[in-house]
């Protein structure tokens, strides 16, 4: 049995998904053309802060909350026609999550290079 490493999975995801900078994400967020989605765990938000105007969807619930057929679907939480821009703490989980959303059929999906660590050094306001 051969098991792919997490590093391999992330590498494959990065080859398939759009990666944007925090500054690009900031412009899209300010223009109202995207859903900025923080997939970090609640404890991470409590410890490090929340990005203003972001939506929190824990990584473990992302596919369920965005699937209209799921009993966990969060109707009205996001505009399903806008680009989904994901971020985590450092950019690894969000790459995997973006790949998963693309596999679900979402066409406009990207993730932020460097995650929250990079975002906190950009123009985004941390609250």
C-alpha atoms as a PDB file:
ATOM      1  CA  UNK A   1       0.000   0.000   0.000  1.00  0.00           C
ATOM      2  CA  UNK A   2       1.321   3.410  -0.993  1.00  0.00           C
ATOM      3  CA  UNK A   3       0.079   6.410   0.922  1.00  0.00           C
ATOM      4  CA  UNK A   4       0.500   9.914  -0.478  1.00  0.00           C
ATOM      5  CA  UNK A   5       2.113  12.316   1.942  1.00  0.00           C
ATOM      6  CA  UNK A   6       0.318  15.459   3.024  1.00  0.00           C
ATOM      7  CA  UNK A   7       3.116  17.382   1.283  1.00  0.00           C
ATOM      8  CA  UNK A   8       2.291  15.597  -1.986  1.00  0.00           C
ATOM      9  CA  UNK A   9      -1.417  16.353  -1.596  1.00  0.00           C
ATOM     10  CA  UNK A  10      -0.689  20.049  -1.027  1.00  0.00           C
ATOM     11  CA  UNK A  11       1.721  20.125  -3.990  1.00  0.00           C
ATOM     12  CA  UNK A  12      -0.947  18.579  -6.230  1.00  0.00           C
ATOM     13  CA  UNK A  13      -3.588  21.008  -4.958  1.00  0.00           C
ATOM     14  CA  UNK A  14      -1.334  24.002  -5.596  1.00  0.00           C
ATOM     15  CA  UNK A  15      -0.916  22.859  -9.195  1.00  0.00           C
ATOM     16  CA  UNK A  16      -4.710  22.850  -9.666  1.00  0.00           C
ATOM     17  CA  UNK A  17      -5.999  25.854  -7.739  1.00  0.00           C
ATOM     18  CA  UNK A  18      -5.588  29.572  -8.191  1.00  0.00           C
ATOM     19  CA  UNK A  19      -3.293  31.173  -5.640  1.00  0.00           C
ATOM     20  CA  UNK A  20      -3.577  34.896  -4.967  1.00  0.00           C
ATOM     21  CA  UNK A  21      -1.701  37.358  -2.788  1.00  0.00           C
ATOM     22  CA  UNK A  22      -3.217  39.003   0.275  1.00  0.00           C
ATOM     23  CA  UNK A  23      -3.235  42.318  -1.626  1.00  0.00           C
ATOM     24  CA  UNK A  24      -5.194  40.789  -4.522  1.00  0.00           C
ATOM     25  CA  UNK A  25      -7.644  39.299  -2.012  1.00  0.00           C
ATOM     26  CA  UNK A  26      -7.958  42.670  -0.261  1.00  0.00           C
ATOM     27  CA  UNK A  27      -8.919  44.384  -3.540  1.00  0.00           C
ATOM     28  CA  UNK A  28     -11.473  41.680  -4.383  1.00  0.00           C
ATOM     29  CA  UNK A  29     -12.919  41.794  -0.868  1.00  0.00           C
ATOM     30  CA  UNK A  30     -13.258  45.575  -0.959  1.00  0.00           C
ATOM     31  CA  UNK A  31     -14.931  45.420  -4.372  1.00  0.00           C
ATOM     32  CA  UNK A  32     -17.550  43.012  -3.009  1.00  0.00           C
ATOM     33  CA  UNK A  33     -16.868  40.429  -5.714  1.00  0.00           C
ATOM     34  CA  UNK A  34     -15.900  37.530  -3.465  1.00  0.00           C
ATOM     35  CA  UNK A  35     -16.612  35.553  -0.348  1.00  0.00           C
ATOM     36  CA  UNK A  36     -13.575  35.723   1.932  1.00  0.00           C
ATOM     37  CA  UNK A  37     -13.621  32.450   3.867  1.00  0.00           C
ATOM     38  CA  UNK A  38     -11.496  31.743   6.934  1.00  0.00           C
ATOM     39  CA  UNK A  39     -11.235  27.966   7.370  1.00  0.00           C
ATOM     40  CA  UNK A  40      -9.155  28.050  10.551  1.00  0.00           C
ATOM     41  CA  UNK A  41     -10.482  26.390  13.681  1.00  0.00           C
ATOM     42  CA  UNK A  42     -12.377  28.518  16.207  1.00  0.00           C
ATOM     43  CA  UNK A  43      -9.493  28.351  18.667  1.00  0.00           C
ATOM     44  CA  UNK A  44      -7.179  29.861  16.074  1.00  0.00           C
ATOM     45  CA  UNK A  45      -9.547  32.790  15.555  1.00  0.00           C
ATOM     46  CA  UNK A  46      -9.895  33.287  19.314  1.00  0.00           C
ATOM     47  CA  UNK A  47      -6.106  33.319  19.711  1.00  0.00           C
ATOM     48  CA  UNK A  48      -5.000  35.255  16.621  1.00  0.00           C
ATOM     49  CA  UNK A  49      -8.012  37.373  15.704  1.00  0.00           C
ATOM     50  CA  UNK A  50     -10.462  37.500  12.827  1.00  0.00           C
ATOM     51  CA  UNK A  51     -10.039  39.159   9.456  1.00  0.00           C
ATOM     52  CA  UNK A  52     -12.612  41.931   9.099  1.00  0.00           C
ATOM     53  CA  UNK A  53     -15.406  41.067   6.636  1.00  0.00           C
ATOM     54  CA  UNK A  54     -14.423  37.402   6.452  1.00  0.00           C
ATOM     55  CA  UNK A  55     -16.761  34.466   6.902  1.00  0.00           C
ATOM     56  CA  UNK A  56     -15.687  31.694   9.257  1.00  0.00           C
ATOM     57  CA  UNK A  57     -16.310  28.161   8.071  1.00  0.00           C
ATOM     58  CA  UNK A  58     -14.201  25.563   9.899  1.00  0.00           C
ATOM     59  CA  UNK A  59     -12.260  23.346   7.486  1.00  0.00           C
ATOM     60  CA  UNK A  60     -14.074  20.254   8.700  1.00  0.00           C
ATOM     61  CA  UNK A  61     -17.471  21.698   7.743  1.00  0.00           C
ATOM     62  CA  UNK A  62     -16.636  23.523   4.496  1.00  0.00           C
ATOM     63  CA  UNK A  63     -18.038  21.026   1.994  1.00  0.00           C
ATOM     64  CA  UNK A  64     -21.140  20.393   4.127  1.00  0.00           C
ATOM     65  CA  UNK A  65     -21.966  24.081   4.663  1.00  0.00           C
ATOM     66  CA  UNK A  66     -21.589  24.828   0.932  1.00  0.00           C
ATOM     67  CA  UNK A  67     -23.556  21.828  -0.372  1.00  0.00           C
ATOM     68  CA  UNK A  68     -27.223  22.765  -0.898  1.00  0.00           C
ATOM     69  CA  UNK A  69     -28.130  19.058  -0.579  1.00  0.00           C
ATOM     70  CA  UNK A  70     -26.468  18.728   2.836  1.00  0.00           C
ATOM     71  CA  UNK A  71     -28.528  19.000   6.034  1.00  0.00           C
ATOM     72  CA  UNK A  72     -25.714  21.308   7.272  1.00  0.00           C
ATOM     73  CA  UNK A  73     -26.037  23.748   4.336  1.00  0.00           C
ATOM     74  CA  UNK A  74     -25.925  27.372   5.509  1.00  0.00           C
ATOM     75  CA  UNK A  75     -28.448  29.037   3.222  1.00  0.00           C
ATOM     76  CA  UNK A  76     -27.800  32.720   2.720  1.00  0.00           C
ATOM     77  CA  UNK A  77     -24.420  32.699   4.496  1.00  0.00           C
ATOM     78  CA  UNK A  78     -22.510  33.268   1.237  1.00  0.00           C
ATOM     79  CA  UNK A  79     -23.248  34.458  -2.274  1.00  0.00           C
ATOM     80  CA  UNK A  80     -22.754  31.193  -4.160  1.00  0.00           C
ATOM     81  CA  UNK A  81     -22.161  33.086  -7.437  1.00  0.00           C
ATOM     82  CA  UNK A  82     -19.137  35.008  -6.166  1.00  0.00           C
ATOM     83  CA  UNK A  83     -15.550  33.802  -6.071  1.00  0.00           C
ATOM     84  CA  UNK A  84     -14.697  31.739  -3.001  1.00  0.00           C
ATOM     85  CA  UNK A  85     -11.383  32.951  -1.563  1.00  0.00           C
ATOM     86  CA  UNK A  86     -10.117  30.659   1.175  1.00  0.00           C
ATOM     87  CA  UNK A  87      -7.410  31.113   3.751  1.00  0.00           C
ATOM     88  CA  UNK A  88      -6.069  29.220   6.754  1.00  0.00           C
ATOM     89  CA  UNK A  89      -3.097  29.937   9.010  1.00  0.00           C
ATOM     90  CA  UNK A  90      -0.317  29.368   6.488  1.00  0.00           C
ATOM     91  CA  UNK A  91      -1.849  28.385   3.155  1.00  0.00           C
ATOM     92  CA  UNK A  92      -1.679  24.580   3.220  1.00  0.00           C
ATOM     93  CA  UNK A  93      -5.173  23.655   4.420  1.00  0.00           C
ATOM     94  CA  UNK A  94      -6.710  26.327   2.190  1.00  0.00           C
ATOM     95  CA  UNK A  95      -4.997  24.839  -0.876  1.00  0.00           C
ATOM     96  CA  UNK A  96      -6.508  21.435  -0.076  1.00  0.00           C
ATOM     97  CA  UNK A  97      -9.894  23.022   0.665  1.00  0.00           C
ATOM     98  CA  UNK A  98      -9.869  25.025  -2.588  1.00  0.00           C
ATOM     99  CA  UNK A  99      -9.140  21.833  -4.529  1.00  0.00           C
ATOM    100  CA  UNK A 100     -12.071  20.161  -2.784  1.00  0.00           C
ATOM    101  CA  UNK A 101     -14.434  23.009  -3.729  1.00  0.00           C
ATOM    102  CA  UNK A 102     -13.283  22.778  -7.342  1.00  0.00           C
ATOM    103  CA  UNK A 103     -14.026  19.039  -7.246  1.00  0.00           C
ATOM    104  CA  UNK A 104     -17.522  19.903  -5.953  1.00  0.00           C
ATOM    105  CA  UNK A 105     -18.080  22.055  -9.043  1.00  0.00           C
ATOM    106  CA  UNK A 106     -17.274  25.548  -7.807  1.00  0.00           C
ATOM    107  CA  UNK A 107     -15.525  27.290 -10.690  1.00  0.00           C
ATOM    108  CA  UNK A 108     -14.393  30.529  -9.063  1.00  0.00           C
ATOM    109  CA  UNK A 109     -12.171  29.348  -6.224  1.00  0.00           C
ATOM    110  CA  UNK A 110      -8.806  30.573  -4.995  1.00  0.00           C
ATOM    111  CA  UNK A 111      -6.724  30.580  -1.871  1.00  0.00           C
ATOM    112  CA  UNK A 112      -4.424  33.155  -0.310  1.00  0.00           C
ATOM    113  CA  UNK A 113      -0.704  32.464  -0.426  1.00  0.00           C
ATOM    114  CA  UNK A 114       0.735  32.501   3.080  1.00  0.00           C
ATOM    115  CA  UNK A 115      -2.669  32.430   4.780  1.00  0.00           C
ATOM    116  CA  UNK A 116      -3.416  34.426   7.914  1.00  0.00           C
ATOM    117  CA  UNK A 117       0.289  34.958   8.579  1.00  0.00           C
ATOM    118  CA  UNK A 118       0.590  36.889   5.315  1.00  0.00           C
ATOM    119  CA  UNK A 119      -2.825  38.531   5.646  1.00  0.00           C
ATOM    120  CA  UNK A 120      -1.916  39.992   9.025  1.00  0.00           C
ATOM    121  CA  UNK A 121       1.027  41.772   7.331  1.00  0.00           C
ATOM    122  CA  UNK A 122      -1.213  43.261   4.614  1.00  0.00           C
ATOM    123  CA  UNK A 123      -3.916  45.942   4.434  1.00  0.00           C
ATOM    124  CA  UNK A 124      -6.561  43.682   5.953  1.00  0.00           C
ATOM    125  CA  UNK A 125      -7.841  44.743   9.368  1.00  0.00           C
ATOM    126  CA  UNK A 126      -7.619  42.112  12.110  1.00  0.00           C
ATOM    127  CA  UNK A 127     -10.378  42.426  14.703  1.00  0.00           C
END
